[in-house]
């Protein structure tokens, strides 16, 4: 249960207002997909060059955010979005679990191999930009999703918000490696990303996102 009552059934939404909210969700989905495609390409490329598991994990999270946004786009492309909600949530949950497994394996491998990643200025800039962009997108998604009473839209907003937290953690890890040479901060950050992803996957699978 939610202490603030956010899980209570939402009030009925007038048809005109509902149409506006559905269009808003669709536009936000397009914005999320566009940004995350760019973010994924940059993060995966920079992560591969620097052999950074944290950056690669961040890039994969961006790929999964695209999959999540596409699931929501598919849901709201039909005449009855509620009928597709459970399947959309399953896709979102599965993408979280896949990220958690992959990043955990790579982080453990990097840590025990003591393979020091190189510093990445590109990754530092990317993480800083995401700290600004992602909170705004997430807040807009969450407001529209709650008013619509859509658990999948709220779940997608949580995934976008997750990217904000991951951006902060990633930025800290990359700076520690670049400024202090703490290479082990990279796999530690990757494991943190995996842990949060697993938690979010479980929440989405159970359909527990507040709307």
N, C-alpha and C. Protein backbone atom coordinates (compact mmCIF):
# COMPACT_ATOMS: atom_id res chain seq x y z
N UNK A 1 0.84 -1.20 0.00
CA UNK A 1 0.00 0.00 0.00
C UNK A 1 0.87 1.25 0.00
N UNK A 2 0.36 2.31 -0.55
CA UNK A 2 1.09 3.57 -0.58
C UNK A 2 0.57 4.48 0.51
N UNK A 3 1.48 5.01 1.30
CA UNK A 3 1.08 5.84 2.42
C UNK A 3 0.35 7.10 1.97
N UNK A 4 0.68 7.60 0.78
CA UNK A 4 0.06 8.85 0.34
C UNK A 4 -1.22 8.62 -0.45
N UNK A 5 -1.65 7.36 -0.51
CA UNK A 5 -2.90 7.05 -1.17
C UNK A 5 -2.81 7.06 -2.68
N UNK A 6 -1.59 7.04 -3.24
CA UNK A 6 -1.47 7.15 -4.70
C UNK A 6 -1.94 5.90 -5.42
N UNK A 7 -2.14 4.81 -4.69
CA UNK A 7 -2.60 3.59 -5.33
C UNK A 7 -4.12 3.49 -5.35
N UNK A 8 -4.81 4.48 -4.82
CA UNK A 8 -6.27 4.47 -4.87
C UNK A 8 -6.72 4.61 -6.31
N UNK A 9 -7.89 4.03 -6.67
CA UNK A 9 -8.37 4.15 -8.04
C UNK A 9 -8.47 5.60 -8.47
N UNK A 10 -7.94 5.97 -9.65
CA UNK A 10 -7.97 7.36 -10.09
C UNK A 10 -9.39 7.78 -10.42
N UNK A 11 -9.70 9.07 -10.28
CA UNK A 11 -11.04 9.54 -10.64
C UNK A 11 -11.28 9.38 -12.14
N UNK A 12 -12.56 9.34 -12.50
CA UNK A 12 -12.90 9.18 -13.91
C UNK A 12 -12.37 10.37 -14.70
N UNK A 13 -11.83 10.08 -15.88
CA UNK A 13 -11.28 11.13 -16.74
C UNK A 13 -12.25 11.37 -17.89
N UNK A 14 -12.59 12.63 -18.10
CA UNK A 14 -13.50 12.98 -19.18
C UNK A 14 -12.89 12.58 -20.52
N UNK A 15 -13.72 12.19 -21.49
CA UNK A 15 -13.20 11.74 -22.79
C UNK A 15 -12.26 12.73 -23.46
N UNK A 16 -12.60 14.02 -23.44
CA UNK A 16 -11.73 15.02 -24.07
C UNK A 16 -10.38 15.09 -23.38
N UNK A 17 -10.41 15.08 -22.05
CA UNK A 17 -9.17 15.12 -21.28
C UNK A 17 -8.36 13.86 -21.51
N UNK A 18 -9.04 12.73 -21.59
CA UNK A 18 -8.35 11.46 -21.82
C UNK A 18 -7.62 11.47 -23.16
N UNK A 19 -8.27 12.03 -24.18
CA UNK A 19 -7.64 12.10 -25.50
C UNK A 19 -6.37 12.96 -25.44
N UNK A 20 -6.44 14.05 -24.69
CA UNK A 20 -5.27 14.93 -24.53
C UNK A 20 -4.14 14.18 -23.84
N UNK A 21 -4.47 13.45 -22.78
CA UNK A 21 -3.45 12.72 -22.02
C UNK A 21 -2.83 11.61 -22.85
N UNK A 22 -3.64 10.91 -23.63
CA UNK A 22 -3.11 9.85 -24.48
C UNK A 22 -2.13 10.42 -25.51
N UNK A 23 -2.49 11.56 -26.10
CA UNK A 23 -1.57 12.21 -27.06
C UNK A 23 -0.28 12.63 -26.36
N UNK A 24 -0.42 13.12 -25.13
CA UNK A 24 0.76 13.54 -24.39
C UNK A 24 1.68 12.37 -24.09
N UNK A 25 1.10 11.26 -23.70
CA UNK A 25 1.89 10.06 -23.44
C UNK A 25 2.64 9.64 -24.70
N UNK A 26 1.95 9.68 -25.84
CA UNK A 26 2.59 9.29 -27.10
C UNK A 26 3.76 10.21 -27.44
N UNK A 27 3.58 11.52 -27.25
CA UNK A 27 4.66 12.47 -27.53
C UNK A 27 5.85 12.26 -26.59
N UNK A 28 5.55 12.00 -25.32
CA UNK A 28 6.62 11.76 -24.36
C UNK A 28 7.37 10.47 -24.68
N UNK A 29 6.64 9.49 -25.17
CA UNK A 29 7.28 8.23 -25.56
C UNK A 29 8.25 8.48 -26.71
N UNK A 30 7.82 9.28 -27.70
CA UNK A 30 8.69 9.60 -28.83
C UNK A 30 9.95 10.34 -28.35
N UNK A 31 9.77 11.30 -27.43
CA UNK A 31 10.91 12.05 -26.91
C UNK A 31 11.86 11.13 -26.15
N UNK A 32 11.29 10.22 -25.36
CA UNK A 32 12.11 9.28 -24.59
C UNK A 32 12.90 8.36 -25.51
N UNK A 33 12.24 7.85 -26.53
CA UNK A 33 12.91 6.94 -27.47
C UNK A 33 14.06 7.67 -28.18
N UNK A 34 13.78 8.87 -28.66
CA UNK A 34 14.79 9.63 -29.40
C UNK A 34 16.03 9.89 -28.55
N UNK A 35 15.80 10.38 -27.33
CA UNK A 35 16.94 10.69 -26.47
C UNK A 35 17.72 9.44 -26.11
N UNK A 36 17.01 8.36 -25.80
CA UNK A 36 17.70 7.15 -25.35
C UNK A 36 18.44 6.43 -26.48
N UNK A 37 17.96 6.57 -27.70
CA UNK A 37 18.71 5.99 -28.83
C UNK A 37 20.07 6.69 -28.93
N UNK A 38 20.05 8.03 -28.87
CA UNK A 38 21.30 8.80 -28.92
C UNK A 38 22.18 8.44 -27.72
N UNK A 39 21.58 8.39 -26.54
CA UNK A 39 22.33 8.07 -25.33
C UNK A 39 22.95 6.69 -25.41
N UNK A 40 22.20 5.72 -25.91
CA UNK A 40 22.70 4.35 -26.00
C UNK A 40 23.89 4.25 -26.94
N UNK A 41 23.80 4.90 -28.09
CA UNK A 41 24.90 4.85 -29.07
C UNK A 41 26.17 5.45 -28.48
N UNK A 42 26.02 6.60 -27.83
CA UNK A 42 27.20 7.26 -27.25
C UNK A 42 27.78 6.44 -26.11
N UNK A 43 26.91 5.97 -25.20
CA UNK A 43 27.39 5.23 -24.03
C UNK A 43 28.05 3.91 -24.42
N UNK A 44 27.43 3.17 -25.32
CA UNK A 44 27.99 1.87 -25.72
C UNK A 44 29.31 2.05 -26.46
N UNK A 45 29.39 3.08 -27.30
CA UNK A 45 30.63 3.33 -28.03
C UNK A 45 31.74 3.75 -27.06
N UNK A 46 31.44 4.71 -26.18
CA UNK A 46 32.43 5.19 -25.22
C UNK A 46 32.81 4.08 -24.25
N UNK A 47 31.83 3.27 -23.84
CA UNK A 47 32.10 2.18 -22.91
C UNK A 47 32.99 1.12 -23.52
N UNK A 48 32.79 0.83 -24.79
CA UNK A 48 33.63 -0.16 -25.48
C UNK A 48 35.06 0.36 -25.63
N UNK A 49 35.19 1.63 -25.98
CA UNK A 49 36.52 2.22 -26.15
C UNK A 49 37.28 2.22 -24.83
N UNK A 50 36.58 2.55 -23.73
CA UNK A 50 37.24 2.65 -22.42
C UNK A 50 37.21 1.34 -21.63
N UNK A 51 36.59 0.30 -22.20
CA UNK A 51 36.42 -0.98 -21.49
C UNK A 51 35.73 -0.77 -20.15
N UNK A 52 34.70 0.10 -20.15
CA UNK A 52 33.97 0.45 -18.93
C UNK A 52 32.66 -0.33 -18.84
N UNK A 53 32.59 -1.24 -17.88
CA UNK A 53 31.36 -2.01 -17.68
C UNK A 53 30.22 -1.12 -17.24
N UNK A 54 30.52 -0.07 -16.45
CA UNK A 54 29.48 0.84 -15.99
C UNK A 54 28.88 1.61 -17.17
N UNK A 55 29.72 2.10 -18.06
CA UNK A 55 29.22 2.83 -19.22
C UNK A 55 28.43 1.91 -20.15
N UNK A 56 28.92 0.69 -20.35
CA UNK A 56 28.20 -0.26 -21.20
C UNK A 56 26.86 -0.60 -20.56
N UNK A 57 26.85 -0.81 -19.24
CA UNK A 57 25.60 -1.09 -18.56
C UNK A 57 24.62 0.07 -18.68
N UNK A 58 25.14 1.29 -18.60
CA UNK A 58 24.31 2.48 -18.76
C UNK A 58 23.74 2.54 -20.17
N UNK A 59 24.57 2.21 -21.16
CA UNK A 59 24.09 2.19 -22.53
C UNK A 59 23.03 1.13 -22.76
N UNK A 60 23.22 -0.04 -22.14
CA UNK A 60 22.21 -1.10 -22.27
C UNK A 60 20.92 -0.70 -21.58
N UNK A 61 21.04 0.02 -20.46
CA UNK A 61 19.83 0.52 -19.81
C UNK A 61 19.07 1.46 -20.75
N UNK A 62 19.79 2.25 -21.52
CA UNK A 62 19.15 3.13 -22.49
C UNK A 62 18.43 2.33 -23.56
N UNK A 63 19.06 1.23 -24.00
CA UNK A 63 18.41 0.35 -24.98
C UNK A 63 17.11 -0.22 -24.40
N UNK A 64 17.17 -0.61 -23.13
CA UNK A 64 16.00 -1.18 -22.48
C UNK A 64 14.92 -0.12 -22.27
N UNK A 65 15.34 1.11 -22.01
CA UNK A 65 14.36 2.18 -21.90
C UNK A 65 13.63 2.39 -23.23
N UNK A 66 14.35 2.22 -24.33
CA UNK A 66 13.72 2.31 -25.64
C UNK A 66 12.69 1.19 -25.80
N UNK A 67 13.06 -0.03 -25.38
CA UNK A 67 12.13 -1.16 -25.45
C UNK A 67 10.90 -0.90 -24.58
N UNK A 68 11.12 -0.34 -23.40
CA UNK A 68 10.02 -0.01 -22.50
C UNK A 68 9.10 1.03 -23.12
N UNK A 69 9.69 2.08 -23.69
CA UNK A 69 8.89 3.13 -24.31
C UNK A 69 8.12 2.59 -25.52
N UNK A 70 8.75 1.69 -26.27
CA UNK A 70 8.05 1.08 -27.40
C UNK A 70 6.87 0.23 -26.93
N UNK A 71 7.04 -0.44 -25.78
CA UNK A 71 5.95 -1.24 -25.23
C UNK A 71 4.77 -0.35 -24.86
N UNK A 72 5.06 0.82 -24.28
CA UNK A 72 3.99 1.75 -23.93
C UNK A 72 3.37 2.33 -25.20
N UNK A 73 4.21 2.63 -26.21
CA UNK A 73 3.69 3.14 -27.48
C UNK A 73 2.75 2.13 -28.12
N UNK A 74 3.15 0.85 -28.08
CA UNK A 74 2.29 -0.22 -28.62
C UNK A 74 0.97 -0.28 -27.85
N UNK A 75 1.05 -0.17 -26.53
CA UNK A 75 -0.15 -0.23 -25.71
C UNK A 75 -1.14 0.87 -26.10
N UNK A 76 -0.63 2.10 -26.24
CA UNK A 76 -1.51 3.24 -26.50
C UNK A 76 -1.81 3.44 -27.98
N UNK A 77 -1.32 2.55 -28.82
CA UNK A 77 -1.66 2.63 -30.24
C UNK A 77 -2.99 1.95 -30.53
N UNK A 78 -3.48 1.14 -29.58
CA UNK A 78 -4.76 0.44 -29.76
C UNK A 78 -5.93 1.24 -29.22
N UNK A 79 -7.12 0.76 -29.51
CA UNK A 79 -8.32 1.45 -29.05
C UNK A 79 -8.58 1.22 -27.57
N UNK A 80 -8.04 0.13 -27.03
CA UNK A 80 -8.26 -0.20 -25.62
C UNK A 80 -6.92 -0.44 -24.94
N UNK A 81 -6.23 0.66 -24.55
CA UNK A 81 -4.90 0.52 -23.95
C UNK A 81 -4.88 -0.36 -22.71
N UNK A 82 -5.96 -0.32 -21.91
CA UNK A 82 -5.99 -1.11 -20.67
C UNK A 82 -5.86 -2.60 -20.94
N UNK A 83 -6.41 -3.06 -22.07
CA UNK A 83 -6.36 -4.48 -22.39
C UNK A 83 -4.94 -4.95 -22.68
N UNK A 84 -4.07 -4.03 -23.08
CA UNK A 84 -2.70 -4.39 -23.42
C UNK A 84 -1.71 -4.11 -22.28
N UNK A 85 -2.21 -3.57 -21.18
CA UNK A 85 -1.30 -3.11 -20.13
C UNK A 85 -0.46 -4.23 -19.53
N UNK A 86 -1.06 -5.37 -19.23
CA UNK A 86 -0.32 -6.45 -18.59
C UNK A 86 0.84 -6.92 -19.45
N UNK A 87 0.61 -7.06 -20.75
CA UNK A 87 1.69 -7.49 -21.63
C UNK A 87 2.79 -6.44 -21.71
N UNK A 88 2.39 -5.17 -21.72
CA UNK A 88 3.40 -4.10 -21.74
C UNK A 88 4.26 -4.14 -20.48
N UNK A 89 3.64 -4.39 -19.33
CA UNK A 89 4.39 -4.48 -18.08
C UNK A 89 5.35 -5.67 -18.09
N UNK A 90 4.93 -6.79 -18.70
CA UNK A 90 5.81 -7.96 -18.77
C UNK A 90 7.05 -7.65 -19.60
N UNK A 91 6.87 -6.92 -20.68
CA UNK A 91 8.02 -6.55 -21.52
C UNK A 91 8.98 -5.67 -20.74
N UNK A 92 8.43 -4.69 -20.02
CA UNK A 92 9.26 -3.79 -19.22
C UNK A 92 10.02 -4.56 -18.16
N UNK A 93 9.32 -5.47 -17.46
CA UNK A 93 9.96 -6.27 -16.40
C UNK A 93 11.06 -7.16 -16.97
N UNK A 94 10.77 -7.82 -18.08
CA UNK A 94 11.76 -8.71 -18.69
C UNK A 94 13.01 -7.97 -19.11
N UNK A 95 12.84 -6.75 -19.59
CA UNK A 95 14.01 -5.96 -20.02
C UNK A 95 14.87 -5.59 -18.82
N UNK A 96 14.25 -5.30 -17.70
CA UNK A 96 15.00 -5.00 -16.47
C UNK A 96 15.82 -6.22 -16.03
N UNK A 97 15.19 -7.38 -16.03
CA UNK A 97 15.88 -8.60 -15.59
C UNK A 97 17.06 -8.92 -16.49
N UNK A 98 16.88 -8.75 -17.79
CA UNK A 98 17.97 -9.02 -18.73
C UNK A 98 19.16 -8.11 -18.47
N UNK A 99 18.87 -6.84 -18.23
CA UNK A 99 19.94 -5.89 -17.92
C UNK A 99 20.68 -6.29 -16.65
N UNK A 100 19.92 -6.65 -15.60
CA UNK A 100 20.53 -7.00 -14.32
C UNK A 100 21.47 -8.19 -14.45
N UNK A 101 21.06 -9.20 -15.19
CA UNK A 101 21.87 -10.41 -15.35
C UNK A 101 23.16 -10.10 -16.11
N UNK A 102 23.02 -9.42 -17.24
CA UNK A 102 24.20 -9.14 -18.07
C UNK A 102 25.21 -8.27 -17.33
N UNK A 103 24.74 -7.19 -16.73
CA UNK A 103 25.65 -6.25 -16.07
C UNK A 103 26.34 -6.91 -14.87
N UNK A 104 25.61 -7.75 -14.14
CA UNK A 104 26.21 -8.45 -13.00
C UNK A 104 27.35 -9.35 -13.45
N UNK A 105 27.12 -10.12 -14.48
CA UNK A 105 28.16 -11.03 -15.00
C UNK A 105 29.39 -10.24 -15.43
N UNK A 106 29.18 -9.16 -16.16
CA UNK A 106 30.30 -8.37 -16.66
C UNK A 106 31.05 -7.66 -15.53
N UNK A 107 30.31 -7.18 -14.53
CA UNK A 107 30.95 -6.49 -13.42
C UNK A 107 31.81 -7.44 -12.60
N UNK A 108 31.30 -8.63 -12.34
CA UNK A 108 32.06 -9.62 -11.57
C UNK A 108 33.30 -10.03 -12.35
N UNK A 109 33.15 -10.23 -13.65
CA UNK A 109 34.29 -10.61 -14.49
C UNK A 109 35.37 -9.53 -14.46
N UNK A 110 34.94 -8.27 -14.60
CA UNK A 110 35.89 -7.15 -14.59
C UNK A 110 36.60 -7.03 -13.24
N UNK A 111 35.84 -7.19 -12.15
CA UNK A 111 36.40 -7.02 -10.82
C UNK A 111 37.47 -8.06 -10.52
N UNK A 112 37.16 -9.33 -10.81
CA UNK A 112 38.11 -10.38 -10.48
C UNK A 112 39.28 -10.45 -11.46
N UNK A 113 39.06 -9.94 -12.66
CA UNK A 113 40.17 -9.89 -13.62
C UNK A 113 41.06 -8.68 -13.37
N UNK A 114 40.58 -7.77 -12.49
CA UNK A 114 41.30 -6.53 -12.18
C UNK A 114 41.67 -5.77 -13.45
N UNK A 115 40.70 -5.75 -14.39
CA UNK A 115 40.93 -5.06 -15.66
C UNK A 115 40.53 -3.60 -15.50
N UNK A 116 41.50 -2.74 -15.34
CA UNK A 116 41.23 -1.32 -15.10
C UNK A 116 40.70 -0.64 -16.35
N UNK A 117 39.48 -0.07 -16.29
CA UNK A 117 38.95 0.66 -17.45
C UNK A 117 39.64 2.01 -17.59
N UNK A 118 39.68 2.52 -18.80
CA UNK A 118 40.25 3.84 -19.03
C UNK A 118 39.23 4.92 -18.64
N UNK A 119 39.72 6.13 -18.40
CA UNK A 119 38.80 7.24 -18.11
C UNK A 119 38.08 7.64 -19.39
N UNK A 120 36.89 8.21 -19.25
CA UNK A 120 36.09 8.57 -20.42
C UNK A 120 35.47 9.94 -20.24
N UNK A 121 36.02 10.94 -20.92
CA UNK A 121 35.43 12.28 -20.85
C UNK A 121 34.05 12.30 -21.50
N UNK A 122 33.90 11.55 -22.57
CA UNK A 122 32.60 11.49 -23.25
C UNK A 122 31.54 10.94 -22.30
N UNK A 123 31.90 9.89 -21.56
CA UNK A 123 30.96 9.31 -20.61
C UNK A 123 30.60 10.28 -19.50
N UNK A 124 31.56 11.05 -19.02
CA UNK A 124 31.31 12.03 -17.97
C UNK A 124 30.32 13.10 -18.44
N UNK A 125 30.52 13.61 -19.65
CA UNK A 125 29.62 14.62 -20.21
C UNK A 125 28.22 14.04 -20.41
N UNK A 126 28.16 12.82 -20.93
CA UNK A 126 26.86 12.17 -21.17
C UNK A 126 26.09 12.00 -19.88
N UNK A 127 26.75 11.53 -18.83
CA UNK A 127 26.09 11.33 -17.54
C UNK A 127 25.58 12.65 -16.99
N UNK A 128 26.35 13.71 -17.14
CA UNK A 128 25.95 15.03 -16.64
C UNK A 128 24.72 15.56 -17.39
N UNK A 129 24.69 15.37 -18.71
CA UNK A 129 23.55 15.83 -19.51
C UNK A 129 22.29 15.04 -19.12
N UNK A 130 22.43 13.75 -18.94
CA UNK A 130 21.28 12.92 -18.58
C UNK A 130 20.70 13.30 -17.22
N UNK A 131 21.55 13.80 -16.33
CA UNK A 131 21.07 14.25 -15.02
C UNK A 131 20.12 15.44 -15.15
N UNK A 132 20.21 16.16 -16.25
CA UNK A 132 19.33 17.30 -16.47
C UNK A 132 18.08 16.91 -17.26
N UNK A 133 18.26 16.09 -18.29
CA UNK A 133 17.16 15.77 -19.21
C UNK A 133 16.17 14.77 -18.60
N UNK A 134 16.67 13.72 -17.98
CA UNK A 134 15.81 12.62 -17.55
C UNK A 134 14.77 12.98 -16.47
N UNK A 135 15.13 13.80 -15.46
CA UNK A 135 14.11 14.13 -14.46
C UNK A 135 12.89 14.83 -15.06
N UNK A 136 13.11 15.71 -16.04
CA UNK A 136 12.00 16.43 -16.66
C UNK A 136 11.09 15.47 -17.43
N UNK A 137 11.68 14.57 -18.19
CA UNK A 137 10.89 13.59 -18.93
C UNK A 137 10.10 12.69 -17.98
N UNK A 138 10.76 12.23 -16.93
CA UNK A 138 10.12 11.32 -15.99
C UNK A 138 8.93 11.98 -15.30
N UNK A 139 9.09 13.23 -14.86
CA UNK A 139 8.01 13.92 -14.16
C UNK A 139 6.79 14.09 -15.07
N UNK A 140 7.01 14.44 -16.33
CA UNK A 140 5.91 14.61 -17.27
C UNK A 140 5.20 13.29 -17.53
N UNK A 141 5.97 12.22 -17.69
CA UNK A 141 5.38 10.89 -17.90
C UNK A 141 4.55 10.46 -16.70
N UNK A 142 5.10 10.68 -15.51
CA UNK A 142 4.42 10.24 -14.29
C UNK A 142 3.09 10.96 -14.10
N UNK A 143 3.08 12.27 -14.33
CA UNK A 143 1.84 13.03 -14.17
C UNK A 143 0.76 12.54 -15.12
N UNK A 144 1.12 12.35 -16.38
CA UNK A 144 0.14 11.90 -17.36
C UNK A 144 -0.32 10.48 -17.05
N UNK A 145 0.61 9.60 -16.67
CA UNK A 145 0.26 8.22 -16.37
C UNK A 145 -0.65 8.09 -15.18
N UNK A 146 -0.39 8.87 -14.14
CA UNK A 146 -1.24 8.81 -12.94
C UNK A 146 -2.64 9.33 -13.22
N UNK A 147 -2.72 10.41 -13.99
CA UNK A 147 -4.04 10.96 -14.29
C UNK A 147 -4.85 10.00 -15.15
N UNK A 148 -4.15 9.29 -16.04
CA UNK A 148 -4.82 8.29 -16.88
C UNK A 148 -5.14 7.01 -16.09
N UNK A 149 -4.41 6.77 -15.00
CA UNK A 149 -4.56 5.52 -14.27
C UNK A 149 -3.87 4.38 -14.98
N UNK A 150 -2.75 4.68 -15.68
CA UNK A 150 -2.03 3.67 -16.45
C UNK A 150 -0.77 3.23 -15.72
N UNK A 151 -0.76 1.97 -15.26
CA UNK A 151 0.40 1.44 -14.55
C UNK A 151 1.62 1.35 -15.47
N UNK A 152 1.41 1.03 -16.74
CA UNK A 152 2.55 0.89 -17.65
C UNK A 152 3.20 2.24 -17.93
N UNK A 153 2.39 3.29 -18.07
CA UNK A 153 2.95 4.63 -18.29
C UNK A 153 3.75 5.07 -17.07
N UNK A 154 3.24 4.76 -15.87
CA UNK A 154 3.96 5.10 -14.65
C UNK A 154 5.23 4.27 -14.55
N UNK A 155 5.14 2.98 -14.94
CA UNK A 155 6.32 2.12 -14.92
C UNK A 155 7.40 2.67 -15.84
N UNK A 156 6.99 3.16 -17.00
CA UNK A 156 7.96 3.72 -17.94
C UNK A 156 8.58 5.00 -17.36
N UNK A 157 7.78 5.78 -16.64
CA UNK A 157 8.33 6.99 -16.02
C UNK A 157 9.34 6.63 -14.94
N UNK A 158 9.10 5.53 -14.23
CA UNK A 158 10.04 5.08 -13.21
C UNK A 158 11.34 4.62 -13.85
N UNK A 159 11.23 4.02 -15.02
CA UNK A 159 12.44 3.59 -15.71
C UNK A 159 13.24 4.82 -16.16
N UNK A 160 12.54 5.85 -16.60
CA UNK A 160 13.22 7.08 -16.98
C UNK A 160 13.87 7.73 -15.76
N UNK A 161 13.16 7.70 -14.62
CA UNK A 161 13.73 8.25 -13.39
C UNK A 161 14.93 7.42 -12.94
N UNK A 162 14.85 6.12 -13.15
CA UNK A 162 15.98 5.25 -12.82
C UNK A 162 17.23 5.71 -13.57
N UNK A 163 17.05 6.14 -14.81
CA UNK A 163 18.19 6.61 -15.60
C UNK A 163 18.82 7.84 -14.94
N UNK A 164 18.00 8.65 -14.27
CA UNK A 164 18.54 9.82 -13.56
C UNK A 164 19.47 9.38 -12.44
N UNK A 165 18.98 8.42 -11.63
CA UNK A 165 19.81 7.91 -10.53
C UNK A 165 21.07 7.25 -11.06
N UNK A 166 20.92 6.47 -12.12
CA UNK A 166 22.07 5.79 -12.69
C UNK A 166 23.07 6.79 -13.26
N UNK A 167 22.55 7.89 -13.80
CA UNK A 167 23.45 8.93 -14.33
C UNK A 167 24.31 9.51 -13.22
N UNK A 168 23.69 9.74 -12.05
CA UNK A 168 24.45 10.27 -10.92
C UNK A 168 25.51 9.29 -10.43
N UNK A 169 25.10 8.02 -10.32
CA UNK A 169 26.04 6.99 -9.87
C UNK A 169 27.16 6.81 -10.89
N UNK A 170 26.78 6.78 -12.16
CA UNK A 170 27.78 6.64 -13.23
C UNK A 170 28.76 7.79 -13.22
N UNK A 171 28.24 9.01 -13.07
CA UNK A 171 29.10 10.19 -13.06
C UNK A 171 30.11 10.10 -11.92
N UNK A 172 29.64 9.68 -10.75
CA UNK A 172 30.55 9.55 -9.60
C UNK A 172 31.64 8.52 -9.88
N UNK A 173 31.24 7.37 -10.43
CA UNK A 173 32.20 6.31 -10.72
C UNK A 173 33.23 6.72 -11.76
N UNK A 174 32.77 7.39 -12.81
CA UNK A 174 33.69 7.82 -13.86
C UNK A 174 34.66 8.88 -13.36
N UNK A 175 34.17 9.78 -12.51
CA UNK A 175 35.04 10.82 -11.95
C UNK A 175 36.08 10.22 -11.00
N UNK A 176 35.67 9.24 -10.20
CA UNK A 176 36.61 8.59 -9.29
C UNK A 176 37.73 7.89 -10.07
N UNK A 177 37.35 7.28 -11.17
CA UNK A 177 38.34 6.60 -12.00
C UNK A 177 39.26 7.61 -12.70
N UNK A 178 38.65 8.68 -13.22
CA UNK A 178 39.44 9.67 -13.97
C UNK A 178 40.35 10.50 -13.08
N UNK A 179 39.86 10.89 -11.89
CA UNK A 179 40.61 11.81 -11.04
C UNK A 179 41.51 11.11 -10.03
N UNK A 180 41.05 9.96 -9.53
CA UNK A 180 41.80 9.27 -8.47
C UNK A 180 42.36 7.92 -8.89
N UNK A 181 41.98 7.47 -10.08
CA UNK A 181 42.47 6.17 -10.54
C UNK A 181 41.83 5.00 -9.82
N UNK A 182 40.65 5.20 -9.25
CA UNK A 182 39.95 4.11 -8.55
C UNK A 182 39.20 3.26 -9.58
N UNK A 183 39.90 2.36 -10.25
CA UNK A 183 39.30 1.58 -11.32
C UNK A 183 38.16 0.69 -10.82
N UNK A 184 38.27 0.25 -9.56
CA UNK A 184 37.26 -0.64 -9.01
C UNK A 184 35.90 0.04 -8.85
N UNK A 185 35.87 1.38 -8.91
CA UNK A 185 34.59 2.09 -8.81
C UNK A 185 33.70 1.75 -9.99
N UNK A 186 34.32 1.42 -11.14
CA UNK A 186 33.54 1.11 -12.34
C UNK A 186 32.68 -0.16 -12.16
N UNK A 187 33.26 -1.32 -11.80
CA UNK A 187 32.42 -2.49 -11.59
C UNK A 187 31.46 -2.36 -10.41
N UNK A 188 31.85 -1.58 -9.40
CA UNK A 188 30.94 -1.35 -8.27
C UNK A 188 29.70 -0.58 -8.74
N UNK A 189 29.90 0.43 -9.56
CA UNK A 189 28.78 1.17 -10.13
C UNK A 189 27.92 0.27 -11.00
N UNK A 190 28.57 -0.59 -11.78
CA UNK A 190 27.83 -1.52 -12.63
C UNK A 190 26.95 -2.44 -11.79
N UNK A 191 27.46 -2.93 -10.66
CA UNK A 191 26.67 -3.79 -9.78
C UNK A 191 25.50 -3.02 -9.18
N UNK A 192 25.72 -1.75 -8.87
CA UNK A 192 24.62 -0.92 -8.35
C UNK A 192 23.52 -0.78 -9.40
N UNK A 193 23.92 -0.59 -10.65
CA UNK A 193 22.95 -0.51 -11.74
C UNK A 193 22.17 -1.81 -11.85
N UNK A 194 22.86 -2.93 -11.75
CA UNK A 194 22.21 -4.24 -11.84
C UNK A 194 21.21 -4.44 -10.70
N UNK A 195 21.59 -4.04 -9.49
CA UNK A 195 20.71 -4.22 -8.34
C UNK A 195 19.43 -3.42 -8.47
N UNK A 196 19.55 -2.18 -8.89
CA UNK A 196 18.37 -1.33 -9.06
C UNK A 196 17.49 -1.87 -10.19
N UNK A 197 18.12 -2.33 -11.26
CA UNK A 197 17.36 -2.87 -12.38
C UNK A 197 16.56 -4.11 -11.97
N UNK A 198 17.17 -4.99 -11.16
CA UNK A 198 16.46 -6.18 -10.70
C UNK A 198 15.26 -5.81 -9.84
N UNK A 199 15.43 -4.83 -8.97
CA UNK A 199 14.33 -4.37 -8.11
C UNK A 199 13.18 -3.80 -8.95
N UNK A 200 13.52 -2.97 -9.93
CA UNK A 200 12.49 -2.39 -10.78
C UNK A 200 11.80 -3.45 -11.62
N UNK A 201 12.55 -4.45 -12.06
CA UNK A 201 11.95 -5.54 -12.83
C UNK A 201 10.92 -6.29 -12.01
N UNK A 202 11.26 -6.56 -10.76
CA UNK A 202 10.32 -7.28 -9.88
C UNK A 202 9.04 -6.46 -9.65
N UNK A 203 9.22 -5.15 -9.48
CA UNK A 203 8.07 -4.28 -9.26
C UNK A 203 7.17 -4.25 -10.48
N UNK A 204 7.77 -4.13 -11.67
CA UNK A 204 6.98 -4.10 -12.90
C UNK A 204 6.26 -5.42 -13.14
N UNK A 205 6.95 -6.53 -12.85
CA UNK A 205 6.37 -7.86 -13.08
C UNK A 205 5.11 -8.06 -12.21
N UNK A 206 5.17 -7.54 -10.99
CA UNK A 206 4.04 -7.67 -10.08
C UNK A 206 2.96 -6.61 -10.32
N UNK A 207 3.26 -5.66 -11.19
CA UNK A 207 2.28 -4.61 -11.48
C UNK A 207 2.04 -3.69 -10.30
N UNK A 208 3.11 -3.40 -9.54
CA UNK A 208 2.96 -2.65 -8.30
C UNK A 208 3.24 -1.16 -8.46
N UNK A 209 3.42 -0.69 -9.69
CA UNK A 209 3.70 0.73 -9.88
C UNK A 209 2.44 1.54 -9.57
N UNK A 210 2.60 2.52 -8.72
CA UNK A 210 1.46 3.37 -8.36
C UNK A 210 0.98 4.16 -9.55
N UNK A 211 -0.32 4.24 -9.69
CA UNK A 211 -0.88 5.10 -10.74
C UNK A 211 -1.89 6.06 -10.16
